[in-house]
N, C-alpha and C. Protein backbone atom coordinates (compact mmCIF):
# COMPACT_ATOMS: atom_id res chain seq x y z
N MET A 1 137.04 104.75 7.37
CA MET A 1 135.89 104.38 6.58
C MET A 1 135.26 105.62 5.96
N THR A 2 134.90 105.54 4.65
CA THR A 2 134.29 106.66 3.97
C THR A 2 132.83 106.78 4.40
N VAL A 3 132.44 107.97 4.79
CA VAL A 3 131.07 108.21 5.24
C VAL A 3 130.22 108.63 4.05
N GLN A 4 129.14 107.90 3.79
CA GLN A 4 128.21 108.24 2.72
C GLN A 4 126.95 108.82 3.34
N ARG A 5 126.70 110.08 3.05
CA ARG A 5 125.51 110.72 3.58
C ARG A 5 124.76 111.42 2.45
N GLU A 6 123.47 111.54 2.64
CA GLU A 6 122.65 112.32 1.74
C GLU A 6 122.91 113.80 1.98
N THR A 7 122.95 114.59 0.92
CA THR A 7 123.06 116.04 1.08
C THR A 7 121.71 116.57 1.54
N LEU A 8 121.69 117.19 2.69
CA LEU A 8 120.43 117.63 3.30
C LEU A 8 120.06 119.04 2.85
N VAL A 9 118.76 119.26 2.73
CA VAL A 9 118.22 120.57 2.40
C VAL A 9 117.05 120.83 3.34
N LEU A 10 117.03 121.96 3.99
CA LEU A 10 115.94 122.28 4.91
C LEU A 10 114.63 122.45 4.15
N PRO A 11 113.51 122.11 4.78
CA PRO A 11 112.20 122.31 4.15
C PRO A 11 111.94 123.79 3.87
N ASN A 12 111.12 124.04 2.87
CA ASN A 12 110.63 125.39 2.56
C ASN A 12 111.74 126.38 2.23
N GLU A 13 112.89 125.86 1.78
CA GLU A 13 114.03 126.71 1.44
C GLU A 13 114.46 127.59 2.62
N ALA A 14 114.28 127.07 3.83
CA ALA A 14 114.64 127.82 5.04
C ALA A 14 116.15 127.95 5.14
N ASP A 15 116.58 128.95 5.92
CA ASP A 15 118.02 129.24 5.99
C ASP A 15 118.66 128.82 7.31
N LYS A 16 117.86 128.37 8.28
CA LYS A 16 118.47 127.94 9.54
C LYS A 16 117.51 127.03 10.30
N LEU A 17 118.09 126.27 11.22
CA LEU A 17 117.37 125.23 11.96
C LEU A 17 117.67 125.33 13.45
N LEU A 18 116.65 125.11 14.27
CA LEU A 18 116.85 124.93 15.71
C LEU A 18 116.69 123.44 15.99
N LEU A 19 117.77 122.81 16.44
CA LEU A 19 117.77 121.37 16.67
C LEU A 19 117.67 121.07 18.16
N HIS A 20 116.54 120.49 18.56
CA HIS A 20 116.44 120.03 19.94
C HIS A 20 117.34 118.81 20.09
N SER A 21 118.21 118.83 21.09
CA SER A 21 119.11 117.71 21.34
C SER A 21 118.84 117.12 22.70
N CYS A 22 118.81 115.77 22.75
CA CYS A 22 118.58 115.08 24.01
C CYS A 22 119.88 114.66 24.67
N CYS A 23 120.94 114.46 23.85
CA CYS A 23 122.22 114.02 24.38
C CYS A 23 123.25 114.00 23.25
N ALA A 24 124.51 113.88 23.61
CA ALA A 24 125.57 113.86 22.61
C ALA A 24 125.53 112.61 21.72
N PRO A 25 125.35 111.40 22.27
CA PRO A 25 125.33 110.23 21.39
C PRO A 25 124.25 110.31 20.31
N CYS A 26 123.05 110.75 20.66
CA CYS A 26 121.98 110.83 19.67
C CYS A 26 122.20 111.99 18.69
N SER A 27 122.74 113.08 19.15
CA SER A 27 122.87 114.24 18.27
C SER A 27 124.17 114.26 17.48
N GLY A 28 125.15 113.44 17.84
CA GLY A 28 126.45 113.49 17.17
C GLY A 28 126.35 113.29 15.67
N GLU A 29 125.67 112.22 15.23
CA GLU A 29 125.51 111.96 13.80
C GLU A 29 124.65 113.04 13.14
N VAL A 30 123.59 113.48 13.82
CA VAL A 30 122.73 114.53 13.27
C VAL A 30 123.53 115.80 13.05
N MET A 31 124.33 116.18 14.02
CA MET A 31 125.14 117.39 13.90
C MET A 31 126.14 117.28 12.77
N GLU A 32 126.82 116.14 12.67
CA GLU A 32 127.82 115.99 11.62
C GLU A 32 127.17 115.96 10.23
N ALA A 33 125.97 115.39 10.13
CA ALA A 33 125.26 115.39 8.85
C ALA A 33 124.86 116.81 8.45
N LEU A 34 124.42 117.60 9.40
CA LEU A 34 124.04 118.99 9.12
C LEU A 34 125.26 119.81 8.73
N ILE A 35 126.37 119.59 9.44
CA ILE A 35 127.61 120.31 9.12
C ILE A 35 128.08 119.96 7.71
N ALA A 36 128.01 118.68 7.36
CA ALA A 36 128.45 118.23 6.04
C ALA A 36 127.62 118.84 4.93
N SER A 37 126.37 119.20 5.24
CA SER A 37 125.47 119.81 4.25
C SER A 37 125.46 121.33 4.32
N ASP A 38 126.36 121.89 5.14
CA ASP A 38 126.48 123.35 5.28
C ASP A 38 125.17 124.01 5.73
N ILE A 39 124.47 123.34 6.62
CA ILE A 39 123.23 123.89 7.17
C ILE A 39 123.53 124.67 8.45
N ASP A 40 123.02 125.85 8.52
CA ASP A 40 123.18 126.71 9.70
C ASP A 40 122.20 126.23 10.77
N PHE A 41 122.72 125.81 11.92
CA PHE A 41 121.84 125.32 12.97
C PHE A 41 122.37 125.67 14.35
N THR A 42 121.46 125.63 15.30
CA THR A 42 121.76 125.88 16.71
C THR A 42 121.19 124.73 17.52
N ILE A 43 121.95 124.31 18.53
CA ILE A 43 121.48 123.25 19.44
C ILE A 43 120.64 123.87 20.55
N TYR A 44 119.49 123.26 20.81
CA TYR A 44 118.64 123.68 21.92
C TYR A 44 118.51 122.52 22.90
N PHE A 45 119.08 122.67 24.09
CA PHE A 45 119.09 121.61 25.08
C PHE A 45 118.05 121.90 26.15
N TYR A 46 116.92 121.24 26.03
CA TYR A 46 115.84 121.38 27.02
C TYR A 46 115.31 119.99 27.33
N ASN A 47 115.72 119.44 28.47
CA ASN A 47 115.40 118.06 28.83
C ASN A 47 115.16 117.93 30.34
N PRO A 48 114.07 118.54 30.83
CA PRO A 48 113.80 118.51 32.27
C PRO A 48 113.39 117.13 32.78
N ASN A 49 113.23 116.19 31.87
CA ASN A 49 112.89 114.82 32.24
C ASN A 49 114.07 114.05 32.81
N ILE A 50 115.29 114.45 32.47
CA ILE A 50 116.46 113.66 32.83
C ILE A 50 116.68 113.70 34.35
N HIS A 51 116.84 112.53 34.92
CA HIS A 51 116.94 112.37 36.38
C HIS A 51 117.96 111.27 36.69
N PRO A 52 118.76 111.46 37.73
CA PRO A 52 118.86 112.60 38.62
C PRO A 52 119.69 113.73 38.01
N LYS A 53 119.91 114.78 38.80
CA LYS A 53 120.63 115.95 38.30
C LYS A 53 122.04 115.58 37.84
N LYS A 54 122.68 114.64 38.50
CA LYS A 54 124.03 114.22 38.09
C LYS A 54 124.00 113.70 36.65
N GLU A 55 123.02 112.88 36.34
CA GLU A 55 122.87 112.35 34.98
C GLU A 55 122.60 113.48 33.98
N TYR A 56 121.74 114.39 34.38
CA TYR A 56 121.42 115.54 33.53
C TYR A 56 122.67 116.35 33.20
N ASP A 57 123.44 116.65 34.21
CA ASP A 57 124.64 117.48 34.01
C ASP A 57 125.66 116.79 33.10
N ILE A 58 125.84 115.49 33.27
CA ILE A 58 126.79 114.77 32.43
C ILE A 58 126.33 114.79 30.98
N ARG A 59 125.06 114.49 30.74
CA ARG A 59 124.55 114.48 29.37
C ARG A 59 124.67 115.87 28.73
N LYS A 60 124.33 116.88 29.49
CA LYS A 60 124.42 118.24 28.94
C LYS A 60 125.86 118.62 28.66
N ASP A 61 126.76 118.34 29.58
CA ASP A 61 128.16 118.72 29.40
C ASP A 61 128.80 118.00 28.21
N GLU A 62 128.43 116.74 27.99
CA GLU A 62 128.93 116.01 26.83
C GLU A 62 128.45 116.67 25.54
N ASN A 63 127.20 117.10 25.54
CA ASN A 63 126.64 117.76 24.35
C ASN A 63 127.32 119.11 24.10
N ILE A 64 127.59 119.83 25.17
CA ILE A 64 128.30 121.11 25.04
C ILE A 64 129.70 120.89 24.49
N ARG A 65 130.37 119.87 25.00
CA ARG A 65 131.73 119.56 24.54
C ARG A 65 131.78 119.33 23.03
N PHE A 66 130.82 118.56 22.53
CA PHE A 66 130.81 118.26 21.11
C PHE A 66 130.41 119.48 20.28
N ALA A 67 129.48 120.27 20.79
CA ALA A 67 129.08 121.49 20.08
C ALA A 67 130.24 122.47 19.99
N GLU A 68 130.97 122.62 21.08
CA GLU A 68 132.11 123.54 21.07
C GLU A 68 133.20 123.06 20.12
N LYS A 69 133.39 121.76 20.03
CA LYS A 69 134.38 121.21 19.11
C LYS A 69 134.10 121.64 17.68
N HIS A 70 132.81 121.71 17.33
CA HIS A 70 132.42 122.07 15.97
C HIS A 70 131.96 123.53 15.85
N GLU A 71 132.10 124.28 16.94
CA GLU A 71 131.74 125.70 16.95
C GLU A 71 130.26 125.90 16.58
N ILE A 72 129.41 125.06 17.15
CA ILE A 72 127.97 125.16 16.94
C ILE A 72 127.33 125.87 18.14
N PRO A 73 126.51 126.89 17.91
CA PRO A 73 125.85 127.58 19.02
C PRO A 73 125.01 126.61 19.85
N PHE A 74 125.05 126.80 21.16
CA PHE A 74 124.37 125.88 22.09
C PHE A 74 123.53 126.70 23.06
N VAL A 75 122.24 126.42 23.10
CA VAL A 75 121.33 127.09 24.03
C VAL A 75 121.04 126.15 25.18
N ASP A 76 121.44 126.55 26.36
CA ASP A 76 121.23 125.76 27.58
C ASP A 76 119.94 126.25 28.24
N ALA A 77 118.85 125.52 28.05
CA ALA A 77 117.54 125.94 28.57
C ALA A 77 117.36 125.49 30.03
N ASP A 78 116.24 125.85 30.60
CA ASP A 78 115.99 125.60 32.02
C ASP A 78 115.86 124.11 32.34
N TYR A 79 116.21 123.76 33.56
CA TYR A 79 116.00 122.41 34.07
C TYR A 79 114.82 122.45 35.04
N ASP A 80 113.63 122.67 34.48
CA ASP A 80 112.45 122.81 35.34
C ASP A 80 111.82 121.44 35.60
N LYS A 81 112.55 120.64 36.37
CA LYS A 81 112.13 119.27 36.65
C LYS A 81 110.83 119.21 37.44
N ASP A 82 110.58 120.20 38.28
CA ASP A 82 109.34 120.18 39.07
C ASP A 82 108.12 120.24 38.17
N GLU A 83 108.20 121.03 37.12
CA GLU A 83 107.10 121.11 36.16
C GLU A 83 106.94 119.78 35.43
N TRP A 84 108.06 119.14 35.11
CA TRP A 84 107.98 117.84 34.43
C TRP A 84 107.30 116.80 35.32
N PHE A 85 107.70 116.72 36.57
CA PHE A 85 107.09 115.75 37.49
C PHE A 85 105.61 116.06 37.70
N SER A 86 105.27 117.35 37.69
CA SER A 86 103.86 117.74 37.83
C SER A 86 103.04 117.23 36.65
N ARG A 87 103.59 117.38 35.46
CA ARG A 87 102.89 116.91 34.26
C ARG A 87 102.81 115.38 34.21
N ALA A 88 103.80 114.72 34.79
CA ALA A 88 103.84 113.25 34.76
C ALA A 88 102.97 112.61 35.83
N LYS A 89 102.39 113.42 36.70
CA LYS A 89 101.59 112.88 37.80
C LYS A 89 100.43 112.04 37.25
N GLY A 90 100.30 110.83 37.79
CA GLY A 90 99.28 109.91 37.34
C GLY A 90 99.74 108.99 36.21
N MET A 91 100.93 109.28 35.66
CA MET A 91 101.48 108.46 34.57
C MET A 91 102.71 107.67 35.02
N GLU A 92 102.91 107.60 36.32
CA GLU A 92 104.15 107.02 36.83
C GLU A 92 104.35 105.56 36.40
N MET A 93 103.28 104.82 36.18
CA MET A 93 103.40 103.41 35.84
C MET A 93 103.18 103.13 34.36
N GLU A 94 103.10 104.17 33.57
CA GLU A 94 102.92 103.98 32.12
C GLU A 94 104.20 103.39 31.51
N PRO A 95 104.08 102.58 30.47
CA PRO A 95 105.26 101.97 29.85
C PRO A 95 105.99 102.94 28.94
N GLU A 96 107.23 102.59 28.59
CA GLU A 96 107.98 103.36 27.60
C GLU A 96 107.19 103.39 26.29
N ARG A 97 107.25 104.52 25.61
CA ARG A 97 106.54 104.78 24.35
C ARG A 97 105.06 105.01 24.56
N GLY A 98 104.62 105.10 25.82
CA GLY A 98 103.22 105.33 26.11
C GLY A 98 102.90 106.81 26.25
N ILE A 99 101.79 107.09 26.97
CA ILE A 99 101.33 108.49 27.05
C ILE A 99 102.27 109.37 27.87
N ARG A 100 103.02 108.79 28.79
CA ARG A 100 103.97 109.62 29.53
C ARG A 100 105.06 110.14 28.59
N CYS A 101 105.50 109.31 27.66
CA CYS A 101 106.51 109.76 26.70
C CYS A 101 105.93 110.83 25.77
N THR A 102 104.67 110.67 25.38
CA THR A 102 104.03 111.71 24.56
C THR A 102 104.01 113.03 25.31
N MET A 103 103.63 113.00 26.58
CA MET A 103 103.65 114.21 27.40
C MET A 103 105.04 114.82 27.43
N CYS A 104 106.05 113.96 27.60
CA CYS A 104 107.43 114.43 27.72
C CYS A 104 107.90 115.09 26.42
N PHE A 105 107.62 114.45 25.29
CA PHE A 105 108.00 115.04 24.00
C PHE A 105 107.26 116.35 23.77
N ASP A 106 105.96 116.36 24.09
CA ASP A 106 105.18 117.59 23.93
C ASP A 106 105.78 118.74 24.72
N MET A 107 106.13 118.47 25.97
CA MET A 107 106.68 119.50 26.84
C MET A 107 107.98 120.07 26.27
N ARG A 108 108.86 119.18 25.84
CA ARG A 108 110.16 119.62 25.33
C ARG A 108 110.03 120.35 23.99
N PHE A 109 109.16 119.84 23.12
CA PHE A 109 109.01 120.47 21.81
C PHE A 109 108.23 121.78 21.89
N GLU A 110 107.31 121.89 22.83
CA GLU A 110 106.59 123.16 22.99
C GLU A 110 107.56 124.28 23.35
N ARG A 111 108.50 123.97 24.24
CA ARG A 111 109.49 124.98 24.62
C ARG A 111 110.46 125.26 23.47
N THR A 112 110.82 124.22 22.73
CA THR A 112 111.69 124.40 21.57
C THR A 112 111.03 125.30 20.54
N ALA A 113 109.76 125.04 20.27
CA ALA A 113 109.03 125.84 19.28
C ALA A 113 108.88 127.29 19.74
N LEU A 114 108.66 127.49 21.02
CA LEU A 114 108.54 128.85 21.54
C LEU A 114 109.85 129.61 21.35
N TYR A 115 110.96 128.97 21.68
CA TYR A 115 112.26 129.62 21.50
C TYR A 115 112.50 129.91 20.02
N ALA A 116 112.15 128.95 19.18
CA ALA A 116 112.33 129.15 17.74
C ALA A 116 111.51 130.34 17.25
N HIS A 117 110.28 130.44 17.72
CA HIS A 117 109.41 131.55 17.34
C HIS A 117 110.01 132.89 17.80
N GLU A 118 110.50 132.92 19.02
CA GLU A 118 111.03 134.16 19.57
C GLU A 118 112.34 134.58 18.92
N HIS A 119 113.05 133.63 18.33
CA HIS A 119 114.36 133.93 17.75
C HIS A 119 114.41 133.68 16.24
N GLU A 120 113.24 133.60 15.63
CA GLU A 120 113.10 133.58 14.18
C GLU A 120 113.78 132.38 13.51
N PHE A 121 113.57 131.21 14.10
CA PHE A 121 113.96 129.96 13.46
C PHE A 121 112.73 129.38 12.77
N PRO A 122 112.71 129.25 11.46
CA PRO A 122 111.52 128.75 10.77
C PRO A 122 111.36 127.23 10.83
N ILE A 123 112.44 126.51 11.14
CA ILE A 123 112.42 125.06 11.16
C ILE A 123 112.95 124.55 12.49
N ILE A 124 112.27 123.55 13.05
CA ILE A 124 112.76 122.87 14.23
C ILE A 124 112.82 121.37 13.93
N SER A 125 113.68 120.68 14.64
CA SER A 125 113.74 119.21 14.55
C SER A 125 114.38 118.71 15.84
N SER A 126 114.57 117.40 15.93
CA SER A 126 115.14 116.82 17.15
C SER A 126 115.98 115.60 16.82
N SER A 127 117.00 115.39 17.64
CA SER A 127 117.85 114.20 17.50
C SER A 127 117.21 112.97 18.13
N LEU A 128 116.09 113.13 18.83
CA LEU A 128 115.46 112.00 19.52
C LEU A 128 115.12 110.85 18.58
N GLY A 129 114.76 111.16 17.35
CA GLY A 129 114.29 110.14 16.44
C GLY A 129 115.34 109.19 15.92
N ILE A 130 116.61 109.48 16.14
CA ILE A 130 117.66 108.59 15.61
C ILE A 130 117.78 107.31 16.43
N SER A 131 117.31 107.32 17.63
CA SER A 131 117.43 106.15 18.51
C SER A 131 116.42 105.08 18.12
N ARG A 132 116.89 103.85 17.99
CA ARG A 132 115.98 102.75 17.65
C ARG A 132 115.06 102.40 18.81
N TRP A 133 115.33 102.94 19.98
CA TRP A 133 114.48 102.68 21.14
C TRP A 133 113.24 103.58 21.16
N LYS A 134 113.23 104.57 20.28
CA LYS A 134 112.12 105.53 20.26
C LYS A 134 111.15 105.22 19.12
N ASN A 135 109.91 105.65 19.30
CA ASN A 135 108.89 105.54 18.26
C ASN A 135 108.94 106.82 17.43
N MET A 136 109.43 106.71 16.19
CA MET A 136 109.63 107.89 15.37
C MET A 136 108.32 108.60 15.05
N ASP A 137 107.25 107.83 14.81
CA ASP A 137 105.96 108.45 14.52
C ASP A 137 105.46 109.25 15.72
N GLN A 138 105.66 108.73 16.91
CA GLN A 138 105.26 109.42 18.13
C GLN A 138 106.02 110.74 18.27
N ILE A 139 107.32 110.70 18.02
CA ILE A 139 108.15 111.91 18.10
C ILE A 139 107.72 112.94 17.06
N ASN A 140 107.53 112.48 15.82
CA ASN A 140 107.14 113.41 14.76
C ASN A 140 105.78 114.04 15.02
N ASP A 141 104.84 113.25 15.53
CA ASP A 141 103.52 113.79 15.85
C ASP A 141 103.63 114.92 16.88
N CYS A 142 104.46 114.70 17.90
CA CYS A 142 104.64 115.72 18.94
C CYS A 142 105.33 116.96 18.37
N GLY A 143 106.33 116.75 17.52
CA GLY A 143 107.04 117.87 16.93
C GLY A 143 106.15 118.70 16.03
N GLU A 144 105.36 118.03 15.22
CA GLU A 144 104.45 118.75 14.32
C GLU A 144 103.38 119.49 15.10
N ARG A 145 102.91 118.90 16.18
CA ARG A 145 101.90 119.56 17.01
C ARG A 145 102.46 120.83 17.63
N ALA A 146 103.70 120.77 18.11
CA ALA A 146 104.32 121.96 18.71
C ALA A 146 104.52 123.06 17.68
N ALA A 147 104.98 122.69 16.49
CA ALA A 147 105.23 123.68 15.45
C ALA A 147 103.94 124.29 14.93
N SER A 148 102.83 123.56 15.00
CA SER A 148 101.56 124.03 14.44
C SER A 148 101.02 125.27 15.14
N HIS A 149 101.54 125.58 16.32
CA HIS A 149 101.08 126.77 17.05
C HIS A 149 101.60 128.06 16.41
N TYR A 150 102.54 127.92 15.50
CA TYR A 150 103.15 129.09 14.87
C TYR A 150 103.03 128.95 13.34
N PRO A 151 102.34 129.89 12.70
CA PRO A 151 101.98 129.72 11.28
C PRO A 151 103.15 129.56 10.32
N ASP A 152 104.29 130.11 10.64
CA ASP A 152 105.43 130.07 9.72
C ASP A 152 106.50 129.07 10.16
N MET A 153 106.14 128.12 11.01
CA MET A 153 107.12 127.16 11.53
C MET A 153 106.81 125.75 11.05
N THR A 154 107.87 124.99 10.78
CA THR A 154 107.74 123.60 10.34
C THR A 154 108.61 122.71 11.21
N TYR A 155 108.06 121.56 11.61
CA TYR A 155 108.87 120.54 12.26
C TYR A 155 109.38 119.61 11.17
N TRP A 156 110.69 119.48 11.07
CA TRP A 156 111.33 118.68 10.03
C TRP A 156 111.34 117.22 10.47
N THR A 157 110.63 116.37 9.74
CA THR A 157 110.48 114.96 10.11
C THR A 157 111.51 114.06 9.42
N TYR A 158 112.66 114.61 9.13
CA TYR A 158 113.68 113.82 8.44
C TYR A 158 114.03 112.56 9.24
N ASN A 159 114.19 111.44 8.53
CA ASN A 159 114.53 110.16 9.18
C ASN A 159 116.04 110.07 9.34
N TRP A 160 116.53 110.38 10.53
CA TRP A 160 117.98 110.40 10.79
C TRP A 160 118.58 109.00 10.83
N ARG A 161 117.74 107.97 10.87
CA ARG A 161 118.25 106.60 10.94
C ARG A 161 118.68 106.07 9.57
N LYS A 162 118.13 106.62 8.50
CA LYS A 162 118.34 106.02 7.18
C LYS A 162 119.76 106.26 6.68
N MET A 163 120.14 105.48 5.68
CA MET A 163 121.47 105.57 5.06
C MET A 163 122.59 105.41 6.09
N GLY A 164 122.35 104.51 7.06
CA GLY A 164 123.39 104.20 8.04
C GLY A 164 123.52 105.18 9.18
N GLY A 165 122.53 106.05 9.36
CA GLY A 165 122.62 107.05 10.42
C GLY A 165 122.77 106.47 11.81
N SER A 166 122.00 105.41 12.11
CA SER A 166 122.07 104.80 13.43
C SER A 166 123.42 104.14 13.68
N THR A 167 124.00 103.56 12.62
CA THR A 167 125.32 102.94 12.75
C THR A 167 126.38 104.00 13.00
N ARG A 168 126.32 105.09 12.26
CA ARG A 168 127.29 106.17 12.46
C ARG A 168 127.13 106.82 13.83
N MET A 169 125.92 106.82 14.34
CA MET A 169 125.68 107.34 15.69
C MET A 169 126.57 106.62 16.70
N ILE A 170 126.63 105.29 16.59
CA ILE A 170 127.46 104.49 17.51
C ILE A 170 128.94 104.71 17.21
N GLU A 171 129.30 104.77 15.94
CA GLU A 171 130.70 104.97 15.56
C GLU A 171 131.22 106.30 16.11
N ILE A 172 130.42 107.34 15.99
CA ILE A 172 130.82 108.66 16.49
C ILE A 172 130.92 108.63 18.00
N SER A 173 129.98 107.97 18.65
CA SER A 173 130.00 107.88 20.11
C SER A 173 131.27 107.20 20.61
N LYS A 174 131.70 106.15 19.90
CA LYS A 174 132.94 105.47 20.28
C LYS A 174 134.15 106.34 19.98
N ARG A 175 134.14 106.99 18.83
CA ARG A 175 135.27 107.86 18.46
C ARG A 175 135.45 108.99 19.46
N GLU A 176 134.34 109.57 19.89
CA GLU A 176 134.38 110.70 20.82
C GLU A 176 134.40 110.26 22.28
N GLU A 177 134.21 108.96 22.51
CA GLU A 177 134.13 108.39 23.86
C GLU A 177 133.11 109.13 24.72
N PHE A 178 131.92 109.25 24.13
CA PHE A 178 130.81 109.90 24.84
C PHE A 178 130.39 109.09 26.06
N TYR A 179 129.77 109.78 26.99
CA TYR A 179 129.12 109.11 28.12
C TYR A 179 128.01 108.23 27.57
N GLN A 180 127.94 106.99 28.05
CA GLN A 180 126.96 106.03 27.55
C GLN A 180 125.83 105.87 28.55
N GLN A 181 124.78 106.63 28.36
CA GLN A 181 123.63 106.51 29.25
C GLN A 181 122.94 105.18 29.04
N GLU A 182 122.43 104.61 30.11
CA GLU A 182 121.91 103.25 30.07
C GLU A 182 120.39 103.17 30.27
N TYR A 183 119.73 104.31 30.21
CA TYR A 183 118.27 104.34 30.29
C TYR A 183 117.80 105.61 29.59
N CYS A 184 116.51 105.69 29.32
CA CYS A 184 115.98 106.80 28.53
C CYS A 184 116.31 108.14 29.17
N GLY A 185 116.10 108.25 30.47
CA GLY A 185 116.44 109.52 31.11
C GLY A 185 115.62 109.87 32.32
N CYS A 186 114.33 109.53 32.32
CA CYS A 186 113.48 109.97 33.43
C CYS A 186 113.57 109.02 34.63
N ALA A 187 113.04 109.47 35.75
CA ALA A 187 113.10 108.68 36.98
C ALA A 187 112.39 107.34 36.83
N TYR A 188 111.32 107.32 36.04
CA TYR A 188 110.54 106.10 35.90
C TYR A 188 111.24 105.11 34.95
N SER A 189 111.92 105.64 33.97
CA SER A 189 112.74 104.79 33.11
C SER A 189 113.88 104.17 33.90
N LEU A 190 114.50 104.97 34.77
CA LEU A 190 115.58 104.46 35.62
C LEU A 190 115.05 103.37 36.54
N ARG A 191 113.90 103.62 37.13
CA ARG A 191 113.28 102.61 38.02
C ARG A 191 113.02 101.31 37.27
N ASP A 192 112.37 101.40 36.11
CA ASP A 192 111.99 100.20 35.37
C ASP A 192 113.21 99.45 34.84
N THR A 193 114.23 100.20 34.41
CA THR A 193 115.45 99.55 33.91
C THR A 193 116.16 98.81 35.04
N ASN A 194 116.22 99.44 36.20
CA ASN A 194 116.85 98.78 37.35
C ASN A 194 116.05 97.55 37.81
N ASP A 195 114.73 97.65 37.75
CA ASP A 195 113.90 96.49 38.11
C ASP A 195 114.17 95.33 37.16
N TRP A 196 114.27 95.63 35.86
CA TRP A 196 114.54 94.60 34.87
C TRP A 196 115.91 93.98 35.10
N ARG A 197 116.90 94.82 35.40
CA ARG A 197 118.25 94.31 35.65
C ARG A 197 118.27 93.41 36.88
N THR A 198 117.57 93.80 37.91
CA THR A 198 117.52 93.00 39.13
C THR A 198 116.92 91.63 38.84
N GLN A 199 115.85 91.61 38.04
CA GLN A 199 115.20 90.35 37.68
C GLN A 199 116.14 89.45 36.88
N LYS A 200 117.04 90.07 36.11
CA LYS A 200 117.98 89.31 35.28
C LYS A 200 119.29 89.01 36.00
N GLY A 201 119.38 89.41 37.26
CA GLY A 201 120.59 89.16 38.02
C GLY A 201 121.75 90.08 37.65
N ARG A 202 121.45 91.23 37.06
CA ARG A 202 122.47 92.18 36.66
C ARG A 202 122.58 93.31 37.68
N GLU A 203 123.71 93.99 37.68
CA GLU A 203 123.90 95.11 38.59
C GLU A 203 123.04 96.29 38.18
N ARG A 204 122.65 97.08 39.15
CA ARG A 204 121.87 98.28 38.87
C ARG A 204 122.75 99.32 38.16
N ILE A 205 122.11 100.27 37.52
CA ILE A 205 122.83 101.31 36.78
C ILE A 205 123.67 102.15 37.73
N ALA A 206 124.91 102.38 37.35
CA ALA A 206 125.80 103.25 38.11
C ALA A 206 125.91 104.57 37.35
N ILE A 207 125.28 105.60 37.89
CA ILE A 207 125.24 106.90 37.21
C ILE A 207 126.65 107.46 37.03
N GLY A 208 126.96 107.86 35.83
CA GLY A 208 128.21 108.57 35.56
C GLY A 208 129.45 107.72 35.38
N GLU A 209 129.28 106.42 35.21
CA GLU A 209 130.46 105.55 35.16
C GLU A 209 130.75 104.93 33.80
N LYS A 210 129.76 104.77 32.94
CA LYS A 210 129.98 104.05 31.70
C LYS A 210 130.16 104.99 30.52
N TYR A 211 131.24 104.78 29.76
CA TYR A 211 131.52 105.60 28.56
C TYR A 211 131.80 104.68 27.38
N TYR A 212 131.44 105.16 26.20
CA TYR A 212 131.82 104.42 25.00
C TYR A 212 133.34 104.38 24.91
N GLN A 213 133.86 103.30 24.33
CA GLN A 213 135.30 103.16 24.18
C GLN A 213 135.66 103.02 22.71
N ALA A 214 136.69 103.75 22.31
CA ALA A 214 137.07 103.85 20.90
C ALA A 214 137.50 102.51 20.32
N ASP A 215 138.04 101.63 21.13
CA ASP A 215 138.57 100.37 20.62
C ASP A 215 137.60 99.20 20.75
N LYS A 216 136.33 99.50 21.00
CA LYS A 216 135.35 98.41 21.14
C LYS A 216 134.13 98.69 20.26
């Protein structure tokens, strides 16, 4: 199938981008779109929310595998889960897309912006917004807030879903047979997803077992 994509141009005539990535399935289409537009970018993997560690390692390793395939620089940031749980204290029962998610995006984007500032990346963005399960306005607000701490930095609010981006995200995931995560990532998302599955008579999530398949 012929892939039709918009030719991308970074804001402010910038020459490079730091892309926060949450996982290979979400970032696959974003990465291929950037490559197709000859944009110089680096992947920044900072996701201390992902729980448990087994799930975190699988998601990170899948992202590294895809980055290496395309020879894209990959920054493996800290897994400071204790700090994440500390910040989430009191928000344990908040729903998805609520204030706990805002805290989580803020934490990840603040670190992304700091790294970008220290390494002279004028533009930051994230693959989080391509998922239809996420609130794009919420993500963009957090990204812009993080970038605002640095006068010469911009958070790129490009809509990765448009022009078939979300569809290609799934197509790439099947082609690459990426690990198929079945919940957002944090311990509370895992809890709530398993509770919902139990109520529906479905099996609980089995960490590390489900992968996209090329023929389905």
